[in-house]
Protein backbone atom coordinates (compact mmCIF):
# COMPACT_ATOMS: atom_id res chain seq x y z
CA UNK A 1 123.56 18.46 14.27
CA UNK A 2 124.06 22.28 15.75
CA UNK A 3 120.67 21.59 17.79
CA UNK A 4 122.61 18.10 19.65
CA UNK A 5 125.55 20.01 20.24
CA UNK A 6 124.41 23.27 22.06
CA UNK A 7 122.00 20.52 23.53
CA UNK A 8 124.55 18.61 25.07
CA UNK A 9 126.39 21.44 26.17
CA UNK A 10 123.36 23.15 27.97
CA UNK A 11 122.85 19.84 29.69
CA UNK A 12 126.93 19.63 30.70
CA UNK A 13 126.38 23.48 32.03
CA UNK A 14 123.39 22.74 34.41
CA UNK A 15 124.84 19.37 35.29
CA UNK A 16 128.02 21.26 36.57
CA UNK A 17 125.25 24.09 38.24
CA UNK A 18 123.40 21.62 40.19
CA UNK A 19 126.15 19.31 41.34
CA UNK A 20 127.81 21.68 43.69
CA UNK A 21 124.17 22.00 45.86
CA UNK A 22 125.18 18.74 47.12
CA UNK A 23 127.04 18.85 49.64
CA UNK A 24 129.24 15.95 48.75
CA UNK A 25 133.34 16.95 49.95
CA UNK A 26 134.90 15.17 46.91
CA UNK A 27 137.52 17.21 44.73
CA UNK A 28 135.21 16.94 41.72
CA UNK A 29 132.22 18.31 43.40
CA UNK A 30 133.90 21.02 45.35
CA UNK A 31 135.86 22.00 42.55
CA UNK A 32 132.82 23.47 40.86
CA UNK A 33 132.19 25.88 43.30
CA UNK A 34 135.28 27.75 41.59
CA UNK A 35 134.64 29.14 37.88
CA UNK A 36 130.50 30.34 38.35
CA UNK A 37 131.83 33.15 35.97
CA UNK A 38 133.37 31.27 33.93
CA UNK A 39 130.30 29.04 33.84
CA UNK A 40 128.00 32.80 33.53
CA UNK A 41 129.85 33.59 30.35
CA UNK A 42 129.06 29.97 29.20
CA UNK A 43 125.48 30.32 29.43
CA UNK A 44 125.57 33.71 28.26
CA UNK A 45 127.17 32.00 25.15
CA UNK A 46 125.06 29.16 24.50
CA UNK A 47 122.17 31.41 25.12
CA UNK A 48 123.25 33.44 22.21
CA UNK A 49 124.27 30.81 19.93
CA UNK A 50 120.59 29.60 20.76
CA UNK A 51 118.92 32.88 19.26
CA UNK A 52 121.53 32.82 16.42
CA UNK A 53 121.95 28.94 15.16
CA UNK A 54 118.36 27.81 16.74
CA UNK A 55 114.85 27.96 15.15
CA UNK A 56 112.91 30.60 17.97
CA UNK A 57 109.13 29.28 16.82
CA UNK A 58 109.91 25.99 18.90
CA UNK A 59 109.62 24.96 22.20
CA UNK A 60 112.85 22.74 22.27
CA UNK A 61 114.71 26.10 21.66
CA UNK A 62 112.93 28.06 24.44
CA UNK A 63 113.93 25.25 26.84
CA UNK A 64 117.02 24.92 26.20
CA UNK A 65 117.35 28.83 25.91
CA UNK A 66 115.47 29.09 29.30
CA UNK A 67 117.93 26.40 30.96
CA UNK A 68 120.77 28.59 29.70
CA UNK A 69 119.41 31.43 30.81
CA UNK A 70 118.39 30.17 34.23
CA UNK A 71 122.08 28.77 34.88
CA UNK A 72 123.31 32.67 33.92
CA UNK A 73 121.10 34.34 36.38
CA UNK A 74 121.90 31.61 39.23
CA UNK A 75 125.85 32.03 38.53
CA UNK A 76 125.22 35.69 38.69
CA UNK A 77 123.61 35.31 41.91
CA UNK A 78 126.78 34.02 43.90
CA UNK A 79 129.34 36.08 42.45
CA UNK A 80 127.07 39.51 42.75
CA UNK A 81 128.28 41.04 46.10
CA UNK A 82 131.89 41.05 44.47
CA UNK A 83 130.93 43.50 42.14
CA UNK A 84 130.47 47.14 42.13
CA UNK A 85 126.67 46.53 41.27
CA UNK A 86 126.33 45.14 45.47
CA UNK A 87 126.73 47.19 48.61
CA UNK A 88 130.00 48.11 50.22
CA UNK A 89 130.00 45.50 53.89
CA UNK A 90 133.06 47.39 54.55
CA UNK A 91 132.95 51.04 55.02
CA UNK A 92 135.46 53.30 54.18
CA UNK A 93 137.81 54.78 56.16
CA UNK A 94 137.30 58.81 57.49
CA UNK A 95 140.37 59.18 58.08
CA UNK A 96 144.38 57.64 57.72
CA UNK A 97 145.40 58.33 61.45
CA UNK A 98 149.01 56.29 61.14
CA UNK A 99 148.64 55.60 64.79
CA UNK A 100 144.97 53.55 63.79
CA UNK A 101 147.02 51.54 60.55
CA UNK A 102 147.54 48.11 59.30
CA UNK A 103 148.61 47.52 56.20
CA UNK A 104 149.12 43.43 55.32
CA UNK A 105 150.15 41.73 52.44
CA UNK A 106 149.97 38.36 51.48
CA UNK A 107 151.75 36.59 48.92
CA UNK A 108 151.66 32.95 48.17
CA UNK A 109 155.60 32.75 46.80
CA UNK A 110 154.89 29.32 44.52
CA UNK A 111 157.87 27.34 46.33
CA UNK A 112 159.96 27.09 42.76
CA UNK A 113 159.66 30.54 41.92
CA UNK A 114 163.13 32.57 41.92
CA UNK A 115 161.87 35.92 41.48
CA UNK A 116 162.77 36.74 45.42
CA UNK A 117 163.55 40.34 43.99
CA UNK A 118 160.52 41.02 42.09
CA UNK A 119 158.79 40.53 45.39
CA UNK A 120 161.42 42.61 47.74
CA UNK A 121 160.60 45.60 45.05
CA UNK A 122 156.98 45.29 45.84
CA UNK A 123 157.17 45.30 49.46
CA UNK A 124 159.78 48.09 49.27
CA UNK A 125 157.41 50.05 47.02
CA UNK A 126 153.72 49.39 49.21
CA UNK A 127 155.76 49.24 52.68
CA UNK A 128 153.24 46.59 54.41
CA UNK A 129 153.00 46.66 58.30
CA UNK A 130 152.61 43.14 57.85
CA UNK A 131 154.14 40.60 55.51
CA UNK A 132 152.59 37.11 55.07
CA UNK A 133 154.31 34.70 52.30
CA UNK A 134 153.21 30.91 51.48
CA UNK A 135 154.73 28.43 49.90
CA UNK A 136 157.54 29.67 51.61
CA UNK A 137 160.98 27.10 52.27
CA UNK A 138 164.42 27.91 53.24
CA UNK A 139 165.66 29.20 50.07
CA UNK A 140 163.05 32.05 49.76
CA UNK A 141 164.01 32.53 54.30
CA UNK A 142 167.42 32.92 52.95
CA UNK A 143 166.35 35.47 50.47
CA UNK A 144 163.54 36.96 52.78
CA UNK A 145 166.37 37.68 55.41
CA UNK A 146 167.13 41.12 54.29
CA UNK A 147 163.50 42.42 55.22
CA UNK A 148 164.46 42.08 59.26
CA UNK A 149 166.22 44.73 59.89
CA UNK A 150 162.92 46.64 59.10
CA UNK A 151 160.79 43.90 60.23
CA UNK A 152 162.11 42.81 63.58
CA UNK A 153 159.32 40.73 64.43
CA UNK A 154 159.03 37.11 62.76
CA UNK A 155 157.43 34.04 62.54
CA UNK A 156 158.91 31.12 60.52
CA UNK A 157 157.94 27.77 59.11
CA UNK A 158 159.96 26.92 56.12
CA UNK A 159 158.53 23.72 54.94
CA UNK A 160 159.59 21.89 51.48
CA UNK A 161 155.79 20.55 50.86
CA UNK A 162 154.79 23.79 49.44
CA UNK A 163 152.75 25.08 52.50
CA UNK A 164 155.92 26.61 54.50
CA UNK A 165 154.47 29.94 55.58
CA UNK A 166 156.39 32.73 57.05
CA UNK A 167 155.14 36.47 58.82
CA UNK A 168 157.30 39.63 58.80
CA UNK A 169 155.99 42.76 60.62
CA UNK A 170 157.29 46.34 61.54
CA UNK A 171 154.18 46.16 64.45
CA UNK A 172 155.52 44.04 67.53
CA UNK A 173 153.74 40.03 67.52
CA UNK A 174 153.11 38.97 71.05
CA UNK A 175 151.73 35.46 72.21
CA UNK A 176 152.40 33.81 68.79
CA UNK A 177 151.99 30.26 67.76
CA UNK A 178 152.32 27.94 64.90
CA UNK A 179 150.31 24.96 64.65
CA UNK A 180 149.06 22.14 62.80
CA UNK A 181 145.58 22.03 63.61
CA UNK A 182 143.73 19.58 61.21
CA UNK A 183 147.20 18.05 59.06
CA UNK A 184 150.06 17.01 60.34
CA UNK A 185 152.21 19.15 57.51
CA UNK A 186 149.93 21.98 57.30
CA UNK A 187 150.57 24.88 59.13
CA UNK A 188 148.81 28.10 60.57
CA UNK A 189 150.14 30.81 62.67
CA UNK A 190 148.57 33.10 65.17
CA UNK A 191 149.42 35.95 67.06
CA UNK A 192 148.40 38.88 68.78
CA UNK A 193 149.77 42.33 66.88
CA UNK A 194 150.09 45.21 68.54
CA UNK A 195 148.95 48.86 66.35
CA UNK A 196 151.31 52.03 67.08
CA UNK A 197 148.03 53.24 68.97
CA UNK A 198 148.70 50.10 71.55
CA UNK A 199 145.59 48.34 70.38
CA UNK A 200 146.16 44.50 70.36
CA UNK A 201 144.55 42.73 67.06
CA UNK A 202 143.99 38.86 67.05
CA UNK A 203 145.82 37.38 63.62
CA UNK A 204 145.38 33.78 62.59
CA UNK A 205 147.53 33.19 59.33
CA UNK A 206 146.10 30.16 56.88
CA UNK A 207 147.07 28.22 54.23
CA UNK A 208 144.74 24.87 54.26
CA UNK A 209 145.12 22.10 51.28
CA UNK A 210 143.06 22.64 48.74
CA UNK A 211 140.49 19.58 47.54
CA UNK A 212 142.06 18.31 44.39
CA UNK A 213 143.76 15.05 42.51
CA UNK A 214 147.47 16.02 43.82
CA UNK A 215 146.25 17.19 47.24
CA UNK A 216 143.76 15.75 49.57
CA UNK A 217 140.44 13.95 47.27
CA UNK A 218 138.46 16.07 49.31
CA UNK A 219 137.54 19.12 50.73
CA UNK A 220 137.20 18.06 54.52
CA UNK A 221 140.24 18.83 55.69
CA UNK A 222 140.45 22.19 54.47
CA UNK A 223 137.07 22.97 55.74
CA UNK A 224 137.98 21.88 59.27
CA UNK A 225 140.59 24.35 59.33
CA UNK A 226 138.73 27.29 58.22
CA UNK A 227 135.55 26.44 60.29
CA UNK A 228 137.64 25.80 63.99
CA UNK A 229 139.33 29.33 63.15
CA UNK A 230 135.68 30.69 62.36
CA UNK A 231 134.39 29.38 65.74
CA UNK A 232 137.46 30.59 67.97
CA UNK A 233 137.32 33.92 66.98
CA UNK A 234 133.11 34.11 67.15
CA UNK A 235 132.91 35.03 70.93
CA UNK A 236 135.79 37.09 70.40
CA UNK A 237 135.06 41.30 71.80
CA UNK A 238 138.10 42.34 70.67
CA UNK A 239 139.59 43.16 66.88
CA UNK A 240 140.15 40.16 64.57
CA UNK A 241 142.24 39.39 61.25
CA UNK A 242 141.92 36.30 59.92
CA UNK A 243 144.20 35.85 56.26
CA UNK A 244 146.09 34.02 54.03
CA UNK A 245 145.24 31.33 50.80
CA UNK A 246 142.33 29.56 52.19
CA UNK A 247 142.06 27.41 48.83
CA UNK A 248 138.38 28.49 48.16
CA UNK A 249 136.71 30.90 46.75
CA UNK A 250 135.26 33.57 48.24
CA UNK A 251 131.90 32.66 46.86
CA UNK A 252 131.79 28.71 47.61
CA UNK A 253 129.21 27.61 49.96
CA UNK A 254 132.38 26.86 53.04
CA UNK A 255 133.74 30.70 52.66
CA UNK A 256 129.76 31.75 53.29
CA UNK A 257 130.05 29.48 56.52
CA UNK A 258 132.95 30.46 57.93
CA UNK A 259 131.81 33.83 57.37
CA UNK A 260 128.52 33.22 59.12
CA UNK A 261 130.23 31.50 61.79
CA UNK A 262 132.77 33.90 62.36
CA UNK A 263 130.90 36.85 61.81
CA UNK A 264 134.01 38.59 60.12
CA UNK A 265 133.65 40.67 57.13
CA UNK A 266 134.71 40.61 53.67
CA UNK A 267 136.31 43.94 52.75
CA UNK A 268 135.59 42.83 48.82
CA UNK A 269 132.05 42.63 49.16
CA UNK A 270 130.53 45.39 46.77
CA UNK A 271 134.23 46.25 45.57
CA UNK A 272 134.88 43.52 43.13
CA UNK A 273 136.64 39.90 42.99
CA UNK A 274 140.35 40.62 43.43
CA UNK A 275 140.96 37.22 41.56
CA UNK A 276 144.61 36.26 43.15
CA UNK A 277 144.59 32.76 41.08
CA UNK A 278 145.70 31.58 38.42
CA UNK A 279 148.16 34.92 37.30
CA UNK A 280 149.17 32.31 34.62
CA UNK A 281 146.11 32.18 33.00
CA UNK A 282 143.65 35.24 32.19
CA UNK A 283 140.60 33.16 31.10
CA UNK A 284 140.85 31.37 34.82
CA UNK A 285 140.78 33.17 37.63
CA UNK A 286 139.56 33.37 41.10
CA UNK A 287 139.64 35.24 44.46
CA UNK A 288 141.48 32.70 46.69
CA UNK A 289 143.72 35.24 48.79
CA UNK A 290 141.89 36.27 51.39
CA UNK A 291 141.36 38.76 54.44
CA UNK A 292 138.34 38.97 56.99
CA UNK A 293 137.98 40.97 59.62
CA UNK A 294 136.09 42.25 62.43
CA UNK A 295 133.76 45.16 62.48
CA UNK A 296 136.45 47.61 64.93
CA UNK A 297 137.91 48.32 61.18
CA UNK A 298 137.61 50.22 57.99
CA UNK A 299 138.80 49.78 54.92
CA UNK A 300 141.37 52.57 53.26
CA UNK A 301 142.06 50.44 50.36
CA UNK A 302 142.45 46.70 48.53
CA UNK A 303 144.73 46.02 45.92
CA UNK A 304 146.01 43.58 43.93
CA UNK A 305 149.34 43.95 43.03
CA UNK A 306 151.20 43.05 39.73
CA UNK A 307 152.39 39.63 39.03
CA UNK A 308 156.14 38.71 39.99
CA UNK A 309 156.62 35.24 39.11
CA UNK A 310 154.05 33.33 41.02
CA UNK A 311 150.82 31.25 40.22
CA UNK A 312 149.36 34.07 42.76
CA UNK A 313 149.25 37.63 42.37
CA UNK A 314 150.10 39.05 45.83
CA UNK A 315 146.85 41.48 48.22
CA UNK A 316 147.56 44.66 50.03
CA UNK A 317 144.49 45.30 52.05
CA UNK A 318 144.98 48.35 54.53
CA UNK A 319 142.80 48.70 57.57
CA UNK A 320 141.56 51.78 59.62
CA UNK A 321 141.02 50.71 63.76
CA UNK A 322 138.11 52.81 64.16
CA UNK A 323 135.27 51.13 66.15
CA UNK A 324 133.23 54.03 66.76
CA UNK A 325 132.92 54.13 62.81
CA UNK A 326 132.72 50.68 62.46
CA UNK A 327 130.23 49.60 64.92
CA UNK A 328 126.79 48.92 63.18
CA UNK A 329 128.57 46.68 60.14
CA UNK A 330 127.19 43.44 59.39
CA UNK A 331 128.42 40.62 57.75
CA UNK A 332 126.05 37.04 57.27
CA UNK A 333 124.13 35.84 59.84
CA UNK A 334 124.28 32.26 61.06
CA UNK A 335 121.31 30.36 61.58
CA UNK A 336 121.12 26.72 64.18
CA UNK A 337 121.67 24.79 60.52
CA UNK A 338 124.88 26.65 60.15
CA UNK A 339 126.56 25.88 63.20
CA UNK A 340 125.13 22.16 62.82
CA UNK A 341 126.96 22.05 59.40
CA UNK A 342 130.27 23.86 60.84
CA UNK A 343 130.56 20.75 63.96
CA UNK A 344 130.00 17.93 61.43
CA UNK A 345 132.33 19.42 58.97
CA UNK A 346 135.07 19.50 62.44
CA UNK A 347 134.08 16.59 64.15
CA UNK A 348 134.72 14.68 61.10
CA UNK A 349 138.07 15.59 61.59
CA UNK A 350 138.52 15.39 65.22
CA UNK A 351 139.48 18.94 66.01
CA UNK A 352 137.58 21.58 68.07
CA UNK A 353 137.21 24.76 69.01
CA UNK A 354 139.81 24.68 71.91
CA UNK A 355 142.30 23.53 69.88
CA UNK A 356 143.05 26.84 67.90
CA UNK A 357 145.62 28.94 70.01
CA UNK A 358 143.39 32.12 71.21
CA UNK A 359 146.23 35.16 70.95
CA UNK A 360 145.54 37.40 74.06
CA UNK A 361 143.76 34.96 76.46
């Protein structure tokens, strides 16, 4: 009986491992991109169970154990870059010159959450230069007004559909735009941020809707929004930062495609996963809140901040503009097939590079 139960679980694991290789965009396929760490742990537990409970002299035992081991190795390969076993992609900063620093905090507040004081305490403690809030409605906008004496530059798009977005900045914002690139009720924000050194940084703030049974039935809308922004920054020579809750895990094929097409770097590579969702379930957490940047920046630190009542943990990232030190940093490189795949995804949603506001141009 035990062997049949282990065989069933092994089959389900193999199925869940292989299915995401299919480029089908349905939520029930793309959702399997998320729990690769959990799948790896399950595979190792199955391997241990096979060794303890089954006859290791039987060929079918070795077959099941081999499949479990292969699944564990496969999932580990996806998450390996987000461990300290992998070389860092972004160099540590060699100085902390305030003139060239930018500290960014992103916080998906969870609209029904009412612990605004918890978020304000984090803002006071960490003093970000730019605060990005997601899922913020008019209630949250009213509560966050107390920040405006210090954060004089703002972008506001309060919504009741869990896609409201606000940006509060100590640094000047120029050439700003609020757009609805793919879906009519899902905004994105775009701005030119001026550092104390007068260096102007092109920034894009995103929160596309996820593929799920309660949101979009497929990932096509999310993928198109990410990739059209990736295309719009791909030929930019100046400093760029893209951040937000992208509703996709760092190691998914779509996020990798975003990195390839955009040419942007991921400061988490070689440093950790920084799982931000779900804050309420320690056993089911994934890195959904992201920050990518151009080679103009190096990293002072990256930190997941404490729980304040949302289903997401906030993230804090401090970068230093150091074009000389960062010049040889390089991320993933796109091949012809990657560009073709990205174009197909954008065409499916009738969105193109020219639709994206390009601050400073």
